[in-house]
C-alpha atoms as a PDB file:
ATOM      1  CA  GLU A   1      19.066  -9.523  31.845  1.00  0.00           C
ATOM      2  CA  LYS A   2      16.761  -9.256  28.586  1.00  0.00           C
ATOM      3  CA  ASP A   3      18.659  -8.601  25.066  1.00  0.00           C
ATOM      4  CA  TRP A   4      17.317  -6.295  22.922  1.00  0.00           C
ATOM      5  CA  SER A   5      15.210  -6.782  20.155  1.00  0.00           C
ATOM      6  CA  PRO A   6      15.714  -6.060  16.900  1.00  0.00           C
ATOM      7  CA  GLU A   7      13.138  -3.335  16.926  1.00  0.00           C
ATOM      8  CA  GLN A   8      14.677  -1.548  19.812  1.00  0.00           C
ATOM      9  CA  ILE A   9      18.630  -1.997  18.512  1.00  0.00           C
ATOM     10  CA  SER A  10      16.501  -0.195  15.455  1.00  0.00           C
ATOM     11  CA  LYS A  11      15.638   2.900  16.777  1.00  0.00           C
ATOM     12  CA  ARG A  12      18.185   2.791  19.565  1.00  0.00           C
ATOM     13  CA  LEU A  13      21.167   3.438  16.579  1.00  0.00           C
ATOM     14  CA  LYS A  14      18.703   6.143  14.486  1.00  0.00           C
ATOM     15  CA  LEU A  15      18.314   7.758  18.046  1.00  0.00           C
ATOM     16  CA  GLU A  16      21.695   7.660  18.468  1.00  0.00           C
ATOM     17  CA  ASP A  17      22.936   8.668  15.139  1.00  0.00           C
ATOM     18  CA  LYS A  18      25.033   6.169  14.964  1.00  0.00           C
ATOM     19  CA  LEU A  19      23.045   3.574  12.334  1.00  0.00           C
ATOM     20  CA  ASP A  20      19.532   3.874  10.387  1.00  0.00           C
ATOM     21  CA  ILE A  21      19.175   0.196   9.606  1.00  0.00           C
ATOM     22  CA  SER A  22      16.171  -1.445   9.513  1.00  0.00           C
ATOM     23  CA  PHE A  23      14.604  -4.377  11.748  1.00  0.00           C
ATOM     24  CA  VAL A  24      14.182  -5.780   9.303  1.00  0.00           C
ATOM     25  CA  ARG A  25      17.850  -5.809   8.409  1.00  0.00           C
ATOM     26  CA  ILE A  26      18.978  -7.175  11.242  1.00  0.00           C
ATOM     27  CA  TYR A  27      15.859  -9.991  10.955  1.00  0.00           C
ATOM     28  CA  GLN A  28      18.188 -10.904   8.102  1.00  0.00           C
ATOM     29  CA  LEU A  29      20.967 -10.541   9.361  1.00  0.00           C
ATOM     30  CA  ILE A  30      20.494 -12.600  11.982  1.00  0.00           C
ATOM     31  CA  GLU A  31      19.506 -15.091  10.015  1.00  0.00           C
ATOM     32  CA  GLN A  32      22.232 -14.874   7.853  1.00  0.00           C
ATOM     33  CA  ASP A  33      24.269 -15.020  10.812  1.00  0.00           C
ATOM     34  CA  LYS A  34      22.545 -18.551  11.892  1.00  0.00           C
ATOM     35  CA  GLN A  35      23.271 -20.041   8.211  1.00  0.00           C
ATOM     36  CA  LYS A  36      26.768 -19.558   8.450  1.00  0.00           C
ATOM     37  CA  GLY A  37      26.815 -21.118  12.150  1.00  0.00           C
ATOM     38  CA  GLY A  38      27.034 -18.364  14.152  1.00  0.00           C
ATOM     39  CA  ASN A  39      24.457 -17.907  17.468  1.00  0.00           C
ATOM     40  CA  LEU A  40      23.337 -14.238  17.403  1.00  0.00           C
ATOM     41  CA  TYR A  41      19.786 -15.388  16.865  1.00  0.00           C
ATOM     42  CA  THR A  42      20.100 -17.268  20.630  1.00  0.00           C
ATOM     43  CA  HIS A  43      19.865 -13.630  21.618  1.00  0.00           C
ATOM     44  CA  LEU A  44      16.647 -12.954  20.744  1.00  0.00           C
ATOM     45  CA  ARG A  45      14.289 -11.905  22.946  1.00  0.00           C
ATOM     46  CA  PHE A  46      11.382 -14.207  21.021  1.00  0.00           C
ATOM     47  CA  HIS A  47      12.315 -17.296  19.089  1.00  0.00           C
ATOM     48  CA  HIS A  48      10.747 -16.997  16.015  1.00  0.00           C
ATOM     49  CA  THR A  49      11.541 -19.230  12.755  1.00  0.00           C
ATOM     50  CA  GLY A  50      11.887 -15.602  11.031  1.00  0.00           C
ATOM     51  CA  HIS A  51      10.273 -13.131   9.423  1.00  0.00           C
ATOM     52  CA  ARG A  52       7.267 -13.610   7.681  1.00  0.00           C
ATOM     53  CA  ARG A  53       6.013 -12.721   4.707  1.00  0.00           C
ATOM     54  CA  ALA A  54       2.244 -11.051   4.241  1.00  0.00           C
ATOM     55  CA  LYS A  55       0.027 -14.136   4.564  1.00  0.00           C
ATOM     56  CA  TYR A  56      -1.092 -12.820   0.708  1.00  0.00           C
ATOM     57  CA  GLY A  57       0.597 -11.461  -2.369  1.00  0.00           C
ATOM     58  CA  ALA A  58       0.637  -7.389  -2.846  1.00  0.00           C
ATOM     59  CA  LYS A  59      -2.409  -8.956  -5.023  1.00  0.00           C
ATOM     60  CA  TYR A  60      -4.677  -8.762  -1.852  1.00  0.00           C
ATOM     61  CA  GLN A  61      -3.827  -5.965   0.239  1.00  0.00           C
ATOM     62  CA  GLY A  62      -5.559  -3.442  -0.005  1.00  0.00           C
ATOM     63  CA  GLY A  63      -8.419  -4.580  -2.042  1.00  0.00           C
ATOM     64  CA  ILE A  64     -11.826  -3.445  -1.358  1.00  0.00           C
ATOM     65  CA  LYS A  65     -14.702  -5.684  -2.023  1.00  0.00           C
ATOM     66  CA  ASP A  66     -16.882  -4.693  -4.527  1.00  0.00           C
ATOM     67  CA  ARG A  67     -15.481  -1.904  -5.288  1.00  0.00           C
ATOM     68  CA  VAL A  68     -16.884   0.177  -7.974  1.00  0.00           C
ATOM     69  CA  SER A  69     -14.364   1.911  -9.828  1.00  0.00           C
ATOM     70  CA  ILE A  70     -14.825   6.015 -10.058  1.00  0.00           C
ATOM     71  CA  SER A  71     -14.826   5.596 -13.524  1.00  0.00           C
ATOM     72  CA  LYS A  72     -18.016   4.294 -13.111  1.00  0.00           C
ATOM     73  CA  ARG A  73     -19.802   7.038 -10.777  1.00  0.00           C
ATOM     74  CA  PRO A  74     -22.923   8.992 -12.301  1.00  0.00           C
ATOM     75  CA  GLU A  75     -22.115  11.891 -13.760  1.00  0.00           C
ATOM     76  CA  ILE A  76     -23.756  13.704 -11.487  1.00  0.00           C
ATOM     77  CA  VAL A  77     -21.715  13.810  -8.434  1.00  0.00           C
ATOM     78  CA  ASN A  78     -18.698  14.273 -11.520  1.00  0.00           C
ATOM     79  CA  ASP A  79     -19.897  18.098 -11.353  1.00  0.00           C
ATOM     80  CA  LYS A  80     -19.609  18.154  -7.877  1.00  0.00           C
ATOM     81  CA  THR A  81     -21.991  20.729  -7.692  1.00  0.00           C
ATOM     82  CA  ARG A  82     -24.643  18.251  -5.847  1.00  0.00           C
ATOM     83  CA  VAL A  83     -25.370  19.223  -1.868  1.00  0.00           C
ATOM     84  CA  GLY A  84     -24.784  15.612  -0.320  1.00  0.00           C
ATOM     85  CA  ASP A  85     -22.213  13.855  -2.221  1.00  0.00           C
ATOM     86  CA  TRP A  86     -18.919  13.307  -0.558  1.00  0.00           C
ATOM     87  CA  GLU A  87     -15.046  12.281  -0.770  1.00  0.00           C
ATOM     88  CA  ILE A  88     -13.572   9.966   1.840  1.00  0.00           C
ATOM     89  CA  ASP A  89      -9.738   9.013   1.608  1.00  0.00           C
ATOM     90  CA  THR A  90      -8.085   6.411   3.768  1.00  0.00           C
ATOM     91  CA  ILE A  91      -4.446   7.409   4.688  1.00  0.00           C
ATOM     92  CA  MET A  92      -2.291   4.173   6.226  1.00  0.00           C
ATOM     93  CA  ARG A  93      -0.382   5.280   8.523  1.00  0.00           C
ATOM     94  CA  PRO A  94       3.876   3.000   9.663  1.00  0.00           C
ATOM     95  CA  LEU A  95       2.885  -0.599  10.550  1.00  0.00           C
ATOM     96  CA  HIS A  96       4.104  -0.225  14.241  1.00  0.00           C
ATOM     97  CA  SER A  97       2.637   3.445  14.442  1.00  0.00           C
ATOM     98  CA  ASN A  98       0.053   4.359  17.267  1.00  0.00           C
ATOM     99  CA  THR A  99      -3.088   5.711  14.913  1.00  0.00           C
ATOM    100  CA  SER A 100      -3.656   2.788  12.295  1.00  0.00           C
ATOM    101  CA  LYS A 101      -5.253   4.993  10.647  1.00  0.00           C
ATOM    102  CA  ILE A 102      -7.013   8.888   9.356  1.00  0.00           C
ATOM    103  CA  SER A 103      -9.817   9.213   7.050  1.00  0.00           C
ATOM    104  CA  PRO A 104     -10.564  12.628   6.307  1.00  0.00           C
ATOM    105  CA  ILE A 105     -13.664  13.583   4.533  1.00  0.00           C
ATOM    106  CA  LYS A 106     -14.868  16.268   3.102  1.00  0.00           C
ATOM    107  CA  PRO A 107     -17.940  17.590   0.899  1.00  0.00           C
ATOM    108  CA  MET A 108     -17.536  17.716  -2.743  1.00  0.00           C
ATOM    109  CA  VAL A 109     -19.176  21.251  -3.117  1.00  0.00           C
ATOM    110  CA  LYS A 110     -18.542  22.940   0.256  1.00  0.00           C
ATOM    111  CA  PRO A 111     -14.848  23.231   1.356  1.00  0.00           C
ATOM    112  CA  PHE A 112     -14.255  22.426   4.684  1.00  0.00           C
ATOM    113  CA  THR A 113     -12.727  18.848   6.085  1.00  0.00           C
ATOM    114  CA  ILE A 114     -13.697  16.455   8.442  1.00  0.00           C
ATOM    115  CA  ILE A 115     -11.276  14.212  10.097  1.00  0.00           C
ATOM    116  CA  PHE A 116     -11.563  11.041  12.129  1.00  0.00           C
END
């Protein structure tokens, strides 16, 4: 019989309304137990060396190469009167969701939205 992963434990506890704890916190508790001589880490389904942080710091997250500031866009675009100018937003989803992002696109003049 395989042991449960911290992700499975976290979701199961939440479904049963017993405890709302993140899988990251469970990994932290397992690591603390290991440092104290415990053996909880031996029950991990995948034996990794701890929770890995992002490769780069927050400075690089969500960055767009060669991005131009919104304050530098042409005044005619700011007026929102010209047909053909579009506005797009990217909405990121949680890390473990099936859909990574949605991007609503709307023209600056007409009141409708395209979502893909």
